[in-house]
Protein backbone atom coordinates (compact mmCIF):
# COMPACT_ATOMS: atom_id res chain seq x y z
CA UNK A 1 31.63 130.53 301.97
CA UNK A 2 30.49 127.57 299.74
CA UNK A 3 26.92 127.15 299.32
CA UNK A 4 26.11 124.11 297.28
CA UNK A 5 22.57 122.92 295.82
CA UNK A 6 20.87 119.64 297.61
CA UNK A 7 17.70 118.95 296.58
CA UNK A 8 17.00 121.96 295.13
CA UNK A 9 17.84 124.06 297.98
CA UNK A 10 21.04 125.98 299.23
CA UNK A 11 23.03 124.72 301.92
CA UNK A 12 26.10 126.40 303.63
CA UNK A 13 29.19 124.00 303.53
CA UNK A 14 30.09 124.71 306.93
CA UNK A 15 29.77 121.87 309.23
CA UNK A 16 27.18 121.67 312.38
CA UNK A 17 28.09 123.65 315.09
CA UNK A 18 27.96 122.37 318.62
CA UNK A 19 24.56 124.15 318.92
CA UNK A 20 23.36 123.15 316.05
CA UNK A 21 23.32 119.49 317.13
CA UNK A 22 21.92 120.05 320.75
CA UNK A 23 18.94 121.52 318.81
CA UNK A 24 19.11 117.87 316.78
CA UNK A 25 19.71 116.37 320.18
CA UNK A 26 17.08 118.44 321.83
CA UNK A 27 14.27 117.93 318.38
CA UNK A 28 14.97 113.95 319.05
CA UNK A 29 14.27 114.45 322.64
CA UNK A 30 10.99 116.49 321.61
CA UNK A 31 10.19 113.85 318.78
CA UNK A 32 10.05 116.06 316.12
CA UNK A 33 10.28 115.46 312.41
CA UNK A 34 13.77 115.67 310.58
CA UNK A 35 12.17 118.09 308.62
CA UNK A 36 10.91 120.19 312.01
CA UNK A 37 14.23 120.18 313.00
CA UNK A 38 15.94 121.14 310.02
CA UNK A 39 14.21 124.29 309.77
CA UNK A 40 15.14 125.31 313.29
CA UNK A 41 18.74 125.35 312.54
CA UNK A 42 18.56 126.57 308.76
CA UNK A 43 19.86 123.14 307.04
CA UNK A 44 18.10 120.52 304.97
CA UNK A 45 16.34 117.40 306.00
CA UNK A 46 18.90 115.17 304.34
CA UNK A 47 21.41 117.17 306.41
CA UNK A 48 19.63 116.23 309.54
CA UNK A 49 19.46 112.80 308.78
CA UNK A 50 23.36 112.67 307.80
CA UNK A 51 24.55 113.90 310.81
CA UNK A 52 22.25 111.72 312.55
CA UNK A 53 23.67 108.78 310.81
CA UNK A 54 27.19 109.64 310.42
CA UNK A 55 27.04 110.57 313.88
CA UNK A 56 25.55 108.29 315.76
CA UNK A 57 26.78 106.31 318.71
CA UNK A 58 26.53 102.27 318.70
CA UNK A 59 26.30 100.65 321.97
CA UNK A 60 26.30 96.68 321.65
CA UNK A 61 23.19 94.72 322.40
CA UNK A 62 23.21 91.36 324.85
CA UNK A 63 24.77 88.75 323.08
CA UNK A 64 24.38 85.49 324.88
CA UNK A 65 27.27 83.70 324.96
CA UNK A 66 29.19 85.48 322.66
CA UNK A 67 26.13 84.37 320.18
CA UNK A 68 24.37 87.68 318.23
CA UNK A 69 20.96 85.38 317.55
CA UNK A 70 17.95 87.86 319.02
CA UNK A 71 16.34 83.64 320.49
CA UNK A 72 20.20 82.68 321.66
CA UNK A 73 19.10 83.13 325.64
CA UNK A 74 15.91 81.36 325.97
CA UNK A 75 16.73 78.75 322.83
CA UNK A 76 16.42 75.19 324.41
CA UNK A 77 17.70 73.55 320.95
CA UNK A 78 19.65 70.57 321.25
CA UNK A 79 21.84 67.82 318.72
CA UNK A 80 21.51 70.13 315.98
CA UNK A 81 25.36 68.56 314.93
CA UNK A 82 23.44 65.29 314.52
CA UNK A 83 25.07 64.08 317.61
CA UNK A 84 22.64 61.48 319.43
CA UNK A 85 22.49 61.98 323.07
CA UNK A 86 24.25 65.71 323.03
CA UNK A 87 22.74 67.17 325.98
CA UNK A 88 23.88 70.42 325.92
CA UNK A 89 21.99 73.24 324.20
CA UNK A 90 23.52 73.88 321.04
CA UNK A 91 23.67 77.82 321.88
CA UNK A 92 26.69 76.86 324.66
CA UNK A 93 28.45 74.59 321.52
CA UNK A 94 32.12 74.68 321.15
CA UNK A 95 33.03 72.29 318.55
CA UNK A 96 29.85 74.19 316.22
CA UNK A 97 28.37 77.03 315.62
CA UNK A 98 24.68 77.12 316.07
CA UNK A 99 24.22 79.84 313.66
CA UNK A 100 25.42 78.30 310.77
CA UNK A 101 23.47 75.07 311.51
CA UNK A 102 19.53 76.66 312.96
CA UNK A 103 17.02 77.54 310.69
CA UNK A 104 15.59 79.99 313.65
CA UNK A 105 18.58 82.24 313.27
CA UNK A 106 17.66 85.51 313.33
CA UNK A 107 20.02 88.50 313.89
CA UNK A 108 18.33 91.07 311.63
CA UNK A 109 18.58 94.71 312.84
CA UNK A 110 16.14 96.49 314.77
CA UNK A 111 14.11 98.10 312.48
CA UNK A 112 14.02 101.82 314.57
CA UNK A 113 17.39 101.81 313.27
CA UNK A 114 16.41 102.13 309.89
CA UNK A 115 14.06 104.42 309.62
CA UNK A 116 13.83 108.62 311.35
CA UNK A 117 15.02 109.75 313.76
CA UNK A 118 17.98 106.64 312.99
CA UNK A 119 18.26 106.40 316.80
CA UNK A 120 16.91 104.42 320.01
CA UNK A 121 17.35 107.94 321.97
CA UNK A 122 12.70 107.85 322.15
CA UNK A 123 12.64 103.95 321.53
CA UNK A 124 10.03 102.68 324.70
CA UNK A 125 11.93 99.66 324.52
CA UNK A 126 15.44 100.66 324.81
CA UNK A 127 15.93 99.13 328.05
CA UNK A 128 14.91 96.22 327.49
CA UNK A 129 16.14 95.69 323.98
CA UNK A 130 18.62 92.95 323.54
CA UNK A 131 19.47 94.21 319.92
CA UNK A 132 22.55 96.61 318.67
CA UNK A 133 21.42 100.47 319.86
CA UNK A 134 22.07 103.64 318.75
CA UNK A 135 22.29 107.23 320.48
CA UNK A 136 22.44 110.42 319.25
CA UNK A 137 24.23 112.64 321.70
CA UNK A 138 25.17 116.28 320.55
CA UNK A 139 28.51 116.45 322.36
CA UNK A 140 29.82 112.48 321.51
CA UNK A 141 28.81 113.41 317.72
CA UNK A 142 30.33 116.73 317.39
CA UNK A 143 34.10 115.26 318.84
CA UNK A 144 33.40 112.01 316.18
CA UNK A 145 32.95 114.88 313.52
CA UNK A 146 35.71 117.08 314.85
CA UNK A 147 38.17 114.10 314.27
């Protein structure tokens, strides 16, 4: 089996097994650091980090009228287009895209996804969050990695 040095550590080039992926998923639910998870499976922290980000499952968020703005559901703004007397809320307009006109437009992804563990599995806000979410499931990750 071929080995490679990653960040000063020897690492096998073999793919992760389903049992190793299950350990990763359990570690996420136990809120362990990526380093502790890596130790349990004999891999580097970088390997675990790459695995989670590459094989997580993305769940689309709730987009009011197909609009990905965080404020779309409660937005009451009217007349961004400049038409006087327009009674329609801009978020429901079919003529103009309020995302191009509104200064409040915000579709920034959740910060949870940009830092370890890079998934929403244990986030306390995951049930109420309207942003796109990501989850790590060992069996789905294994199937994606095999494809």
